[in-house]
C-alpha cells in the first residue's frame, strides 16, 4: 500500500520525501553509532580497545569497569539522592509551571503583556552565580535539597509550551464546567489536568532529565558527601582513578591506572544514562501530541 502511494507522487514530492528519509536515517545513525560504541567499549579490555578498536569478540570483553563502579558504596547513595532530587524537582517544577501557564493562556488576563515581558527577560538575563549563592545562603538552604530544587524550578520555555497547549483547548470545555458550577480551581485540577496529560508528561521528562544530568549546582551548594547525587559521585570516581601528570610512580602502574580510567569513563556513562534510556519508551507516546501542539499551535 505504501509503495503504491509513493509511486503516485510527483517527482518533486518523491525527491522531498526521499531526502527527508535520508536525513532521518543520518540523524538516527549519529545517535545510535556513538551509543553502541560507548556500550561495547564499556565491556572491552582497555588495551584491546586502544590497540585494535571496537571488537565483537566476547572473549576480549571484561566486567572490570562495572565491578569497580558498582562496588563503590557511594554509587548507591548517589543513585538514591539523584532519584530523590530528580523526582522532587520534577514535581515542584511541573506544578509551578502549569500553575503559571494556565492563567497566562487566558486572553482576558489583566497585565498579561507585562507578565510576558518579565518572563521573557528572565530567559536571557539572570542574577549570576554569586548573587544566587548569597540568596541561597541567606535563606539557610545550603547543603539541603532545597538548594537543588528551588533555584531552577520555574522554566520559562516550559511555561510557554504549556501555555500554548492550554490555548489549544476549546473554550467550550470551561463553559461546560462553569454551567455545572465548577470553579476555576476545580476546573483546572479535575477537568483540565487529565486532558493535559501529554504536555505534563513532556515537561516532567524534560525536567527530570535536566536535573539528572546536572552536577554543577550540587557541586556548589552541597558539602556533605552523603547528599551528593550520582553525577558528582561518578565524577569523584573518575578523578580518583585518573593519573596526574606529576605522580611519582613507575611507568607500568601509571599506564595501568590510565587504562582503568579509560574503562571507567565508558562504564560511568552507561550507568548514569541507563535510567533515562529506560524512561524514554514510556513517555514516547506523549511526545508527538505534547510537543507539537504545545510548540506550533497559536
C-alpha atoms as a PDB file:
ATOM      1  CA  UNK A   1       0.000   0.000   0.000  1.00  0.00           C
ATOM      2  CA  UNK A   2       2.762   2.463   0.947  1.00  0.00           C
ATOM      3  CA  UNK A   3       4.705   1.563  -2.209  1.00  0.00           C
ATOM      4  CA  UNK A   4       1.633   2.275  -4.344  1.00  0.00           C
ATOM      5  CA  UNK A   5       1.117   5.668  -2.691  1.00  0.00           C
ATOM      6  CA  UNK A   6       4.781   6.533  -3.217  1.00  0.00           C
ATOM      7  CA  UNK A   7       4.558   5.708  -6.934  1.00  0.00           C
ATOM      8  CA  UNK A   8       1.584   8.014  -7.338  1.00  0.00           C
ATOM      9  CA  UNK A   9       3.527  11.006  -6.011  1.00  0.00           C
ATOM     10  CA  UNK A  10       5.037  13.561  -8.329  1.00  0.00           C
ATOM     11  CA  UNK A  11       8.776  13.646  -8.979  1.00  0.00           C
ATOM     12  CA  UNK A  12       9.168  16.671  -6.690  1.00  0.00           C
ATOM     13  CA  UNK A  13       7.282  15.010  -3.849  1.00  0.00           C
ATOM     14  CA  UNK A  14       9.327  11.831  -4.263  1.00  0.00           C
ATOM     15  CA  UNK A  15      12.550  13.831  -4.087  1.00  0.00           C
ATOM     16  CA  UNK A  16      11.476  15.721  -0.971  1.00  0.00           C
ATOM     17  CA  UNK A  17      10.221  12.558   0.739  1.00  0.00           C
ATOM     18  CA  UNK A  18      13.366  10.599  -0.119  1.00  0.00           C
ATOM     19  CA  UNK A  19      15.562  13.451   1.114  1.00  0.00           C
ATOM     20  CA  UNK A  20      13.623  13.542   4.384  1.00  0.00           C
ATOM     21  CA  UNK A  21      14.044   9.809   4.910  1.00  0.00           C
ATOM     22  CA  UNK A  22      17.748  10.061   4.090  1.00  0.00           C
ATOM     23  CA  UNK A  23      18.289  12.871   6.599  1.00  0.00           C
ATOM     24  CA  UNK A  24      16.303  10.944   9.192  1.00  0.00           C
ATOM     25  CA  UNK A  25      18.490   7.883   8.636  1.00  0.00           C
ATOM     26  CA  UNK A  26      21.624  10.013   9.048  1.00  0.00           C
ATOM     27  CA  UNK A  27      20.321  11.502  12.312  1.00  0.00           C
ATOM     28  CA  UNK A  28      19.487   8.031  13.631  1.00  0.00           C
ATOM     29  CA  UNK A  29      22.994   6.805  12.797  1.00  0.00           C
ATOM     30  CA  UNK A  30      24.528   9.830  14.522  1.00  0.00           C
ATOM     31  CA  UNK A  31      22.687   8.795  17.684  1.00  0.00           C
ATOM     32  CA  UNK A  32      22.884   5.011  17.508  1.00  0.00           C
ATOM     33  CA  UNK A  33      26.537   4.609  16.457  1.00  0.00           C
ATOM     34  CA  UNK A  34      28.073   6.581  19.387  1.00  0.00           C
ATOM     35  CA  UNK A  35      25.654   4.884  21.799  1.00  0.00           C
ATOM     36  CA  UNK A  36      26.653   1.405  20.593  1.00  0.00           C
ATOM     37  CA  UNK A  37      30.325   2.404  20.696  1.00  0.00           C
ATOM     38  CA  UNK A  38      30.116   3.526  24.321  1.00  0.00           C
ATOM     39  CA  UNK A  39      28.192   0.412  25.413  1.00  0.00           C
ATOM     40  CA  UNK A  40      30.618  -2.009  23.732  1.00  0.00           C
ATOM     41  CA  UNK A  41      33.673  -0.018  24.869  1.00  0.00           C
ATOM     42  CA  UNK A  42      32.462  -0.232  28.468  1.00  0.00           C
ATOM     43  CA  UNK A  43      32.853  -4.028  28.300  1.00  0.00           C
ATOM     44  CA  UNK A  44      36.150  -4.176  26.412  1.00  0.00           C
ATOM     45  CA  UNK A  45      39.632  -4.563  27.788  1.00  0.00           C
ATOM     46  CA  UNK A  46      41.286  -1.090  27.598  1.00  0.00           C
ATOM     47  CA  UNK A  47      44.434  -2.488  25.949  1.00  0.00           C
ATOM     48  CA  UNK A  48      42.428  -4.171  23.193  1.00  0.00           C
ATOM     49  CA  UNK A  49      40.295  -1.063  22.735  1.00  0.00           C
ATOM     50  CA  UNK A  50      43.342   1.209  22.362  1.00  0.00           C
ATOM     51  CA  UNK A  51      45.243  -1.141  20.066  1.00  0.00           C
ATOM     52  CA  UNK A  52      42.521  -2.715  17.920  1.00  0.00           C
ATOM     53  CA  UNK A  53      39.443  -0.607  18.484  1.00  0.00           C
ATOM     54  CA  UNK A  54      35.942  -1.998  18.924  1.00  0.00           C
ATOM     55  CA  UNK A  55      35.715  -5.788  18.803  1.00  0.00           C
ATOM     56  CA  UNK A  56      32.652  -8.047  18.948  1.00  0.00           C
ATOM     57  CA  UNK A  57      34.782 -10.919  20.228  1.00  0.00           C
ATOM     58  CA  UNK A  58      33.244 -11.590  23.654  1.00  0.00           C
ATOM     59  CA  UNK A  59      36.446 -13.282  24.841  1.00  0.00           C
ATOM     60  CA  UNK A  60      38.109  -9.837  24.819  1.00  0.00           C
ATOM     61  CA  UNK A  61      35.418  -8.261  26.945  1.00  0.00           C
ATOM     62  CA  UNK A  62      35.602  -7.634  30.691  1.00  0.00           C
ATOM     63  CA  UNK A  63      33.275  -6.564  33.505  1.00  0.00           C
ATOM     64  CA  UNK A  64      36.067  -4.894  35.463  1.00  0.00           C
ATOM     65  CA  UNK A  65      34.777  -1.381  34.804  1.00  0.00           C
ATOM     66  CA  UNK A  66      31.284  -2.147  36.087  1.00  0.00           C
ATOM     67  CA  UNK A  67      32.694  -4.074  39.032  1.00  0.00           C
ATOM     68  CA  UNK A  68      34.806  -1.109  40.081  1.00  0.00           C
ATOM     69  CA  UNK A  69      31.929   1.325  39.659  1.00  0.00           C
ATOM     70  CA  UNK A  70      29.163  -0.735  41.282  1.00  0.00           C
ATOM     71  CA  UNK A  71      31.358  -1.979  44.140  1.00  0.00           C
ATOM     72  CA  UNK A  72      31.664   1.595  45.372  1.00  0.00           C
ATOM     73  CA  UNK A  73      29.070   2.072  48.119  1.00  0.00           C
ATOM     74  CA  UNK A  74      28.755   5.756  47.285  1.00  0.00           C
ATOM     75  CA  UNK A  75      27.286   4.796  43.912  1.00  0.00           C
ATOM     76  CA  UNK A  76      24.111   3.557  45.577  1.00  0.00           C
ATOM     77  CA  UNK A  77      23.968   6.597  47.820  1.00  0.00           C
ATOM     78  CA  UNK A  78      24.338   8.785  44.725  1.00  0.00           C
ATOM     79  CA  UNK A  79      21.615   6.836  42.919  1.00  0.00           C
ATOM     80  CA  UNK A  80      19.211   7.321  45.806  1.00  0.00           C
ATOM     81  CA  UNK A  81      19.998  11.032  46.066  1.00  0.00           C
ATOM     82  CA  UNK A  82      19.713  11.548  42.301  1.00  0.00           C
ATOM     83  CA  UNK A  83      16.310   9.859  42.178  1.00  0.00           C
ATOM     84  CA  UNK A  84      15.079  11.833  45.186  1.00  0.00           C
ATOM     85  CA  UNK A  85      16.298  15.157  43.797  1.00  0.00           C
ATOM     86  CA  UNK A  86      15.077  14.485  40.251  1.00  0.00           C
ATOM     87  CA  UNK A  87      11.599  13.291  41.255  1.00  0.00           C
ATOM     88  CA  UNK A  88      11.123  16.123  43.761  1.00  0.00           C
ATOM     89  CA  UNK A  89      12.419  18.721  41.321  1.00  0.00           C
ATOM     90  CA  UNK A  90      10.183  17.384  38.556  1.00  0.00           C
ATOM     91  CA  UNK A  91       7.067  17.509  40.731  1.00  0.00           C
ATOM     92  CA  UNK A  92       7.740  21.036  42.010  1.00  0.00           C
ATOM     93  CA  UNK A  93       8.809  22.356  38.612  1.00  0.00           C
ATOM     94  CA  UNK A  94       5.858  20.956  36.670  1.00  0.00           C
ATOM     95  CA  UNK A  95       3.405  22.073  39.362  1.00  0.00           C
ATOM     96  CA  UNK A  96       4.733  25.640  39.371  1.00  0.00           C
ATOM     97  CA  UNK A  97       4.972  25.760  35.578  1.00  0.00           C
ATOM     98  CA  UNK A  98       1.392  24.681  34.869  1.00  0.00           C
ATOM     99  CA  UNK A  99       0.053  26.994  37.577  1.00  0.00           C
ATOM    100  CA  UNK A 100       1.735  29.899  35.782  1.00  0.00           C
ATOM    101  CA  UNK A 101       0.853  28.697  32.283  1.00  0.00           C
ATOM    102  CA  UNK A 102      -2.892  28.348  32.849  1.00  0.00           C
ATOM    103  CA  UNK A 103      -3.650  31.996  33.739  1.00  0.00           C
ATOM    104  CA  UNK A 104      -1.182  33.150  31.073  1.00  0.00           C
ATOM    105  CA  UNK A 105      -3.249  31.269  28.489  1.00  0.00           C
ATOM    106  CA  UNK A 106      -6.280  33.436  29.293  1.00  0.00           C
ATOM    107  CA  UNK A 107      -6.874  36.193  26.733  1.00  0.00           C
ATOM    108  CA  UNK A 108      -8.610  38.421  29.291  1.00  0.00           C
ATOM    109  CA  UNK A 109      -5.847  38.237  31.942  1.00  0.00           C
ATOM    110  CA  UNK A 110      -5.126  41.740  33.256  1.00  0.00           C
ATOM    111  CA  UNK A 111      -1.449  42.666  32.828  1.00  0.00           C
ATOM    112  CA  UNK A 112      -0.746  39.699  30.546  1.00  0.00           C
ATOM    113  CA  UNK A 113       1.676  41.646  28.332  1.00  0.00           C
ATOM    114  CA  UNK A 114       3.604  42.881  31.373  1.00  0.00           C
ATOM    115  CA  UNK A 115       3.950  39.371  32.786  1.00  0.00           C
ATOM    116  CA  UNK A 116       5.002  38.061  29.389  1.00  0.00           C
ATOM    117  CA  UNK A 117       7.730  40.687  29.179  1.00  0.00           C
ATOM    118  CA  UNK A 118       9.011  39.899  32.671  1.00  0.00           C
ATOM    119  CA  UNK A 119       9.093  36.174  31.894  1.00  0.00           C
ATOM    120  CA  UNK A 120      10.932  36.671  28.602  1.00  0.00           C
ATOM    121  CA  UNK A 121      13.579  38.884  30.252  1.00  0.00           C
ATOM    122  CA  UNK A 122      14.455  36.102  32.683  1.00  0.00           C
ATOM    123  CA  UNK A 123      15.181  33.800  29.721  1.00  0.00           C
ATOM    124  CA  UNK A 124      18.134  35.983  28.710  1.00  0.00           C
ATOM    125  CA  UNK A 125      19.305  37.534  31.986  1.00  0.00           C
ATOM    126  CA  UNK A 126      19.783  36.197  35.498  1.00  0.00           C
ATOM    127  CA  UNK A 127      21.373  37.361  38.724  1.00  0.00           C
ATOM    128  CA  UNK A 128      24.575  35.364  38.266  1.00  0.00           C
ATOM    129  CA  UNK A 129      26.266  32.714  40.370  1.00  0.00           C
ATOM    130  CA  UNK A 130      27.488  34.858  43.279  1.00  0.00           C
ATOM    131  CA  UNK A 131      24.157  36.668  43.968  1.00  0.00           C
ATOM    132  CA  UNK A 132      22.320  33.358  43.673  1.00  0.00           C
ATOM    133  CA  UNK A 133      24.726  31.717  46.113  1.00  0.00           C
ATOM    134  CA  UNK A 134      24.286  34.590  48.575  1.00  0.00           C
ATOM    135  CA  UNK A 135      20.500  34.341  48.353  1.00  0.00           C
ATOM    136  CA  UNK A 136      20.568  30.592  48.976  1.00  0.00           C
ATOM    137  CA  UNK A 137      23.000  31.078  51.850  1.00  0.00           C
ATOM    138  CA  UNK A 138      20.869  33.795  53.468  1.00  0.00           C
ATOM    139  CA  UNK A 139      17.807  31.550  53.187  1.00  0.00           C
ATOM    140  CA  UNK A 140      19.737  28.780  55.033  1.00  0.00           C
ATOM    141  CA  UNK A 141      19.314  26.396  52.121  1.00  0.00           C
ATOM    142  CA  UNK A 142      22.984  25.476  51.700  1.00  0.00           C
ATOM    143  CA  UNK A 143      23.627  21.739  51.958  1.00  0.00           C
ATOM    144  CA  UNK A 144      19.889  20.980  51.691  1.00  0.00           C
ATOM    145  CA  UNK A 145      17.686  19.513  48.987  1.00  0.00           C
ATOM    146  CA  UNK A 146      16.008  22.918  48.518  1.00  0.00           C
ATOM    147  CA  UNK A 147      19.216  24.395  47.119  1.00  0.00           C
ATOM    148  CA  UNK A 148      18.909  21.901  44.257  1.00  0.00           C
ATOM    149  CA  UNK A 149      15.160  22.126  43.700  1.00  0.00           C
ATOM    150  CA  UNK A 150      14.055  25.732  44.107  1.00  0.00           C
ATOM    151  CA  UNK A 151      16.513  27.943  42.129  1.00  0.00           C
ATOM    152  CA  UNK A 152      15.663  26.414  38.732  1.00  0.00           C
ATOM    153  CA  UNK A 153      12.173  25.108  39.448  1.00  0.00           C
ATOM    154  CA  UNK A 154      10.469  27.561  37.077  1.00  0.00           C
ATOM    155  CA  UNK A 155      11.415  27.294  33.408  1.00  0.00           C
ATOM    156  CA  UNK A 156      10.004  29.990  31.127  1.00  0.00           C
ATOM    157  CA  UNK A 157      10.332  27.921  27.959  1.00  0.00           C
ATOM    158  CA  UNK A 158       8.337  25.087  29.523  1.00  0.00           C
ATOM    159  CA  UNK A 159       5.748  27.614  30.656  1.00  0.00           C
ATOM    160  CA  UNK A 160       5.384  28.847  27.071  1.00  0.00           C
ATOM    161  CA  UNK A 161       4.885  25.270  25.820  1.00  0.00           C
ATOM    162  CA  UNK A 162       2.245  24.602  28.479  1.00  0.00           C
ATOM    163  CA  UNK A 163       0.548  27.968  27.864  1.00  0.00           C
ATOM    164  CA  UNK A 164       0.273  27.278  24.146  1.00  0.00           C
ATOM    165  CA  UNK A 165      -1.134  23.826  24.858  1.00  0.00           C
ATOM    166  CA  UNK A 166      -3.784  25.295  27.140  1.00  0.00           C
ATOM    167  CA  UNK A 167      -4.717  27.784  24.420  1.00  0.00           C
ATOM    168  CA  UNK A 168      -5.377  24.875  22.044  1.00  0.00           C
ATOM    169  CA  UNK A 169      -8.126  23.506  24.328  1.00  0.00           C
ATOM    170  CA  UNK A 170     -11.622  24.696  23.274  1.00  0.00           C
ATOM    171  CA  UNK A 171     -13.214  27.361  25.457  1.00  0.00           C
ATOM    172  CA  UNK A 172     -16.415  25.304  25.427  1.00  0.00           C
ATOM    173  CA  UNK A 173     -14.824  22.943  27.949  1.00  0.00           C
ATOM    174  CA  UNK A 174     -14.613  25.742  30.520  1.00  0.00           C
ATOM    175  CA  UNK A 175     -18.110  26.909  29.685  1.00  0.00           C
ATOM    176  CA  UNK A 176     -19.500  23.413  30.216  1.00  0.00           C
ATOM    177  CA  UNK A 177     -17.776  23.082  33.601  1.00  0.00           C
ATOM    178  CA  UNK A 178     -18.988  26.546  34.612  1.00  0.00           C
ATOM    179  CA  UNK A 179     -22.567  25.523  33.860  1.00  0.00           C
ATOM    180  CA  UNK A 180     -22.087  22.611  36.271  1.00  0.00           C
ATOM    181  CA  UNK A 181     -20.870  25.050  38.926  1.00  0.00           C
ATOM    182  CA  UNK A 182     -17.152  24.218  38.794  1.00  0.00           C
ATOM    183  CA  UNK A 183     -14.815  26.952  39.982  1.00  0.00           C
ATOM    184  CA  UNK A 184     -11.525  27.751  38.243  1.00  0.00           C
ATOM    185  CA  UNK A 185      -9.651  25.606  40.770  1.00  0.00           C
ATOM    186  CA  UNK A 186     -11.958  22.617  40.274  1.00  0.00           C
ATOM    187  CA  UNK A 187     -11.875  23.070  36.501  1.00  0.00           C
ATOM    188  CA  UNK A 188      -8.068  23.193  36.474  1.00  0.00           C
ATOM    189  CA  UNK A 189      -7.376  20.167  38.669  1.00  0.00           C
ATOM    190  CA  UNK A 190     -10.280  17.842  37.898  1.00  0.00           C
ATOM    191  CA  UNK A 191     -11.106  18.608  34.269  1.00  0.00           C
ATOM    192  CA  UNK A 192      -8.180  20.342  32.584  1.00  0.00           C
ATOM    193  CA  UNK A 193      -5.302  18.390  34.150  1.00  0.00           C
ATOM    194  CA  UNK A 194      -6.462  14.949  32.869  1.00  0.00           C
ATOM    195  CA  UNK A 195      -6.887  16.436  29.398  1.00  0.00           C
ATOM    196  CA  UNK A 196      -3.367  17.874  29.516  1.00  0.00           C
ATOM    197  CA  UNK A 197      -1.518  14.659  30.384  1.00  0.00           C
ATOM    198  CA  UNK A 198       0.610  14.767  27.174  1.00  0.00           C
ATOM    199  CA  UNK A 199       2.170  18.169  27.862  1.00  0.00           C
ATOM    200  CA  UNK A 200       2.570  17.389  31.579  1.00  0.00           C
ATOM    201  CA  UNK A 201       4.403  14.163  30.714  1.00  0.00           C
ATOM    202  CA  UNK A 202       6.691  16.006  28.298  1.00  0.00           C
ATOM    203  CA  UNK A 203       7.506  18.714  30.846  1.00  0.00           C
ATOM    204  CA  UNK A 204       8.125  16.084  33.522  1.00  0.00           C
ATOM    205  CA  UNK A 205      10.582  14.216  31.310  1.00  0.00           C
ATOM    206  CA  UNK A 206      12.364  17.439  30.330  1.00  0.00           C
ATOM    207  CA  UNK A 207      12.858  18.482  33.941  1.00  0.00           C
ATOM    208  CA  UNK A 208      13.791  15.017  35.182  1.00  0.00           C
ATOM    209  CA  UNK A 209      16.482  14.662  32.509  1.00  0.00           C
ATOM    210  CA  UNK A 210      17.748  18.195  33.143  1.00  0.00           C
ATOM    211  CA  UNK A 211      18.332  17.610  36.849  1.00  0.00           C
ATOM    212  CA  UNK A 212      19.548  14.039  36.412  1.00  0.00           C
ATOM    213  CA  UNK A 213      22.345  15.252  34.130  1.00  0.00           C
ATOM    214  CA  UNK A 214      23.132  18.275  36.269  1.00  0.00           C
ATOM    215  CA  UNK A 215      26.046  18.315  38.677  1.00  0.00           C
ATOM    216  CA  UNK A 216      27.168  21.948  38.898  1.00  0.00           C
ATOM    217  CA  UNK A 217      24.533  23.147  41.378  1.00  0.00           C
ATOM    218  CA  UNK A 218      25.143  20.145  43.620  1.00  0.00           C
ATOM    219  CA  UNK A 219      28.884  20.760  43.472  1.00  0.00           C
ATOM    220  CA  UNK A 220      28.383  24.391  44.547  1.00  0.00           C
ATOM    221  CA  UNK A 221      25.641  24.055  47.167  1.00  0.00           C
ATOM    222  CA  UNK A 222      26.174  20.596  48.721  1.00  0.00           C
ATOM    223  CA  UNK A 223      29.116  19.931  51.032  1.00  0.00           C
ATOM    224  CA  UNK A 224      28.054  16.669  52.668  1.00  0.00           C
ATOM    225  CA  UNK A 225      29.279  13.681  50.629  1.00  0.00           C
ATOM    226  CA  UNK A 226      26.239  11.650  51.698  1.00  0.00           C
ATOM    227  CA  UNK A 227      23.948  14.190  49.980  1.00  0.00           C
ATOM    228  CA  UNK A 228      25.743  14.238  46.627  1.00  0.00           C
ATOM    229  CA  UNK A 229      23.843  12.979  43.554  1.00  0.00           C
ATOM    230  CA  UNK A 230      25.067  10.277  41.187  1.00  0.00           C
ATOM    231  CA  UNK A 231      26.808  12.625  38.765  1.00  0.00           C
ATOM    232  CA  UNK A 232      29.094  14.014  41.460  1.00  0.00           C
ATOM    233  CA  UNK A 233      29.869  10.518  42.756  1.00  0.00           C
ATOM    234  CA  UNK A 234      30.811   9.327  39.267  1.00  0.00           C
ATOM    235  CA  UNK A 235      32.932  12.437  38.790  1.00  0.00           C
ATOM    236  CA  UNK A 236      34.794  11.660  42.012  1.00  0.00           C
ATOM    237  CA  UNK A 237      35.420   8.068  40.901  1.00  0.00           C
ATOM    238  CA  UNK A 238      36.874   9.237  37.606  1.00  0.00           C
ATOM    239  CA  UNK A 239      39.111  11.825  39.279  1.00  0.00           C
ATOM    240  CA  UNK A 240      40.393   9.313  41.830  1.00  0.00           C
ATOM    241  CA  UNK A 241      41.347   6.823  39.121  1.00  0.00           C
ATOM    242  CA  UNK A 242      42.882   9.292  36.668  1.00  0.00           C
ATOM    243  CA  UNK A 243      46.692   9.528  36.907  1.00  0.00           C
ATOM    244  CA  UNK A 244      48.048  13.019  37.414  1.00  0.00           C
ATOM    245  CA  UNK A 245      50.954  14.377  35.405  1.00  0.00           C
ATOM    246  CA  UNK A 246      53.178  14.820  38.475  1.00  0.00           C
ATOM    247  CA  UNK A 247      52.518  11.450  40.071  1.00  0.00           C
ATOM    248  CA  UNK A 248      55.586   9.657  41.445  1.00  0.00           C
ATOM    249  CA  UNK A 249      55.017   6.111  40.277  1.00  0.00           C
ATOM    250  CA  UNK A 250      56.540   3.612  37.955  1.00  0.00           C
ATOM    251  CA  UNK A 251      55.566   3.749  34.316  1.00  0.00           C
ATOM    252  CA  UNK A 252      53.713   0.436  34.399  1.00  0.00           C
ATOM    253  CA  UNK A 253      51.483   1.408  37.338  1.00  0.00           C
ATOM    254  CA  UNK A 254      50.655   4.715  35.731  1.00  0.00           C
ATOM    255  CA  UNK A 255      49.806   3.000  32.443  1.00  0.00           C
ATOM    256  CA  UNK A 256      47.503   0.548  34.238  1.00  0.00           C
ATOM    257  CA  UNK A 257      45.759   3.409  36.019  1.00  0.00           C
ATOM    258  CA  UNK A 258      45.296   5.219  32.705  1.00  0.00           C
ATOM    259  CA  UNK A 259      43.716   2.095  31.181  1.00  0.00           C
ATOM    260  CA  UNK A 260      41.379   1.716  34.144  1.00  0.00           C
ATOM    261  CA  UNK A 261      40.383   5.387  33.906  1.00  0.00           C
ATOM    262  CA  UNK A 262      39.551   4.892  30.214  1.00  0.00           C
ATOM    263  CA  UNK A 263      37.386   1.876  31.029  1.00  0.00           C
ATOM    264  CA  UNK A 264      35.673   3.652  33.915  1.00  0.00           C
ATOM    265  CA  UNK A 265      34.843   6.568  31.650  1.00  0.00           C
ATOM    266  CA  UNK A 266      32.626   4.400  29.450  1.00  0.00           C
ATOM    267  CA  UNK A 267      31.194   2.422  32.362  1.00  0.00           C
ATOM    268  CA  UNK A 268      30.106   5.559  34.217  1.00  0.00           C
ATOM    269  CA  UNK A 269      28.422   6.906  31.076  1.00  0.00           C
ATOM    270  CA  UNK A 270      26.345   3.738  30.757  1.00  0.00           C
ATOM    271  CA  UNK A 271      25.493   3.621  34.472  1.00  0.00           C
ATOM    272  CA  UNK A 272      24.349   7.257  34.542  1.00  0.00           C
ATOM    273  CA  UNK A 273      22.404   7.013  31.265  1.00  0.00           C
ATOM    274  CA  UNK A 274      20.608   3.721  31.911  1.00  0.00           C
ATOM    275  CA  UNK A 275      17.672   5.172  33.919  1.00  0.00           C
ATOM    276  CA  UNK A 276      16.982   7.718  31.182  1.00  0.00           C
ATOM    277  CA  UNK A 277      17.105   5.071  28.444  1.00  0.00           C
ATOM    278  CA  UNK A 278      14.558   3.048  30.401  1.00  0.00           C
ATOM    279  CA  UNK A 279      12.262   6.049  30.892  1.00  0.00           C
ATOM    280  CA  UNK A 280      12.038   7.323  27.325  1.00  0.00           C
ATOM    281  CA  UNK A 281       9.895   4.482  25.856  1.00  0.00           C
ATOM    282  CA  UNK A 282       7.202   5.046  28.487  1.00  0.00           C
ATOM    283  CA  UNK A 283       6.949   8.761  27.637  1.00  0.00           C
ATOM    284  CA  UNK A 284       7.305   8.386  23.866  1.00  0.00           C
ATOM    285  CA  UNK A 285       3.553   8.179  23.205  1.00  0.00           C
ATOM    286  CA  UNK A 286       3.070  11.664  24.692  1.00  0.00           C
ATOM    287  CA  UNK A 287       5.786  13.398  22.685  1.00  0.00           C
ATOM    288  CA  UNK A 288       4.029  13.932  19.343  1.00  0.00           C
ATOM    289  CA  UNK A 289       0.865  15.351  20.857  1.00  0.00           C
ATOM    290  CA  UNK A 290       2.537  17.211  23.700  1.00  0.00           C
ATOM    291  CA  UNK A 291       5.415  18.893  21.879  1.00  0.00           C
ATOM    292  CA  UNK A 292       3.771  19.578  18.518  1.00  0.00           C
ATOM    293  CA  UNK A 293       0.590  21.131  19.911  1.00  0.00           C
ATOM    294  CA  UNK A 294       2.493  22.946  22.641  1.00  0.00           C
ATOM    295  CA  UNK A 295       5.035  24.498  20.292  1.00  0.00           C
ATOM    296  CA  UNK A 296       3.199  25.067  16.988  1.00  0.00           C
ATOM    297  CA  UNK A 297      -0.421  25.899  17.620  1.00  0.00           C
ATOM    298  CA  UNK A 298      -1.150  29.504  18.470  1.00  0.00           C
END
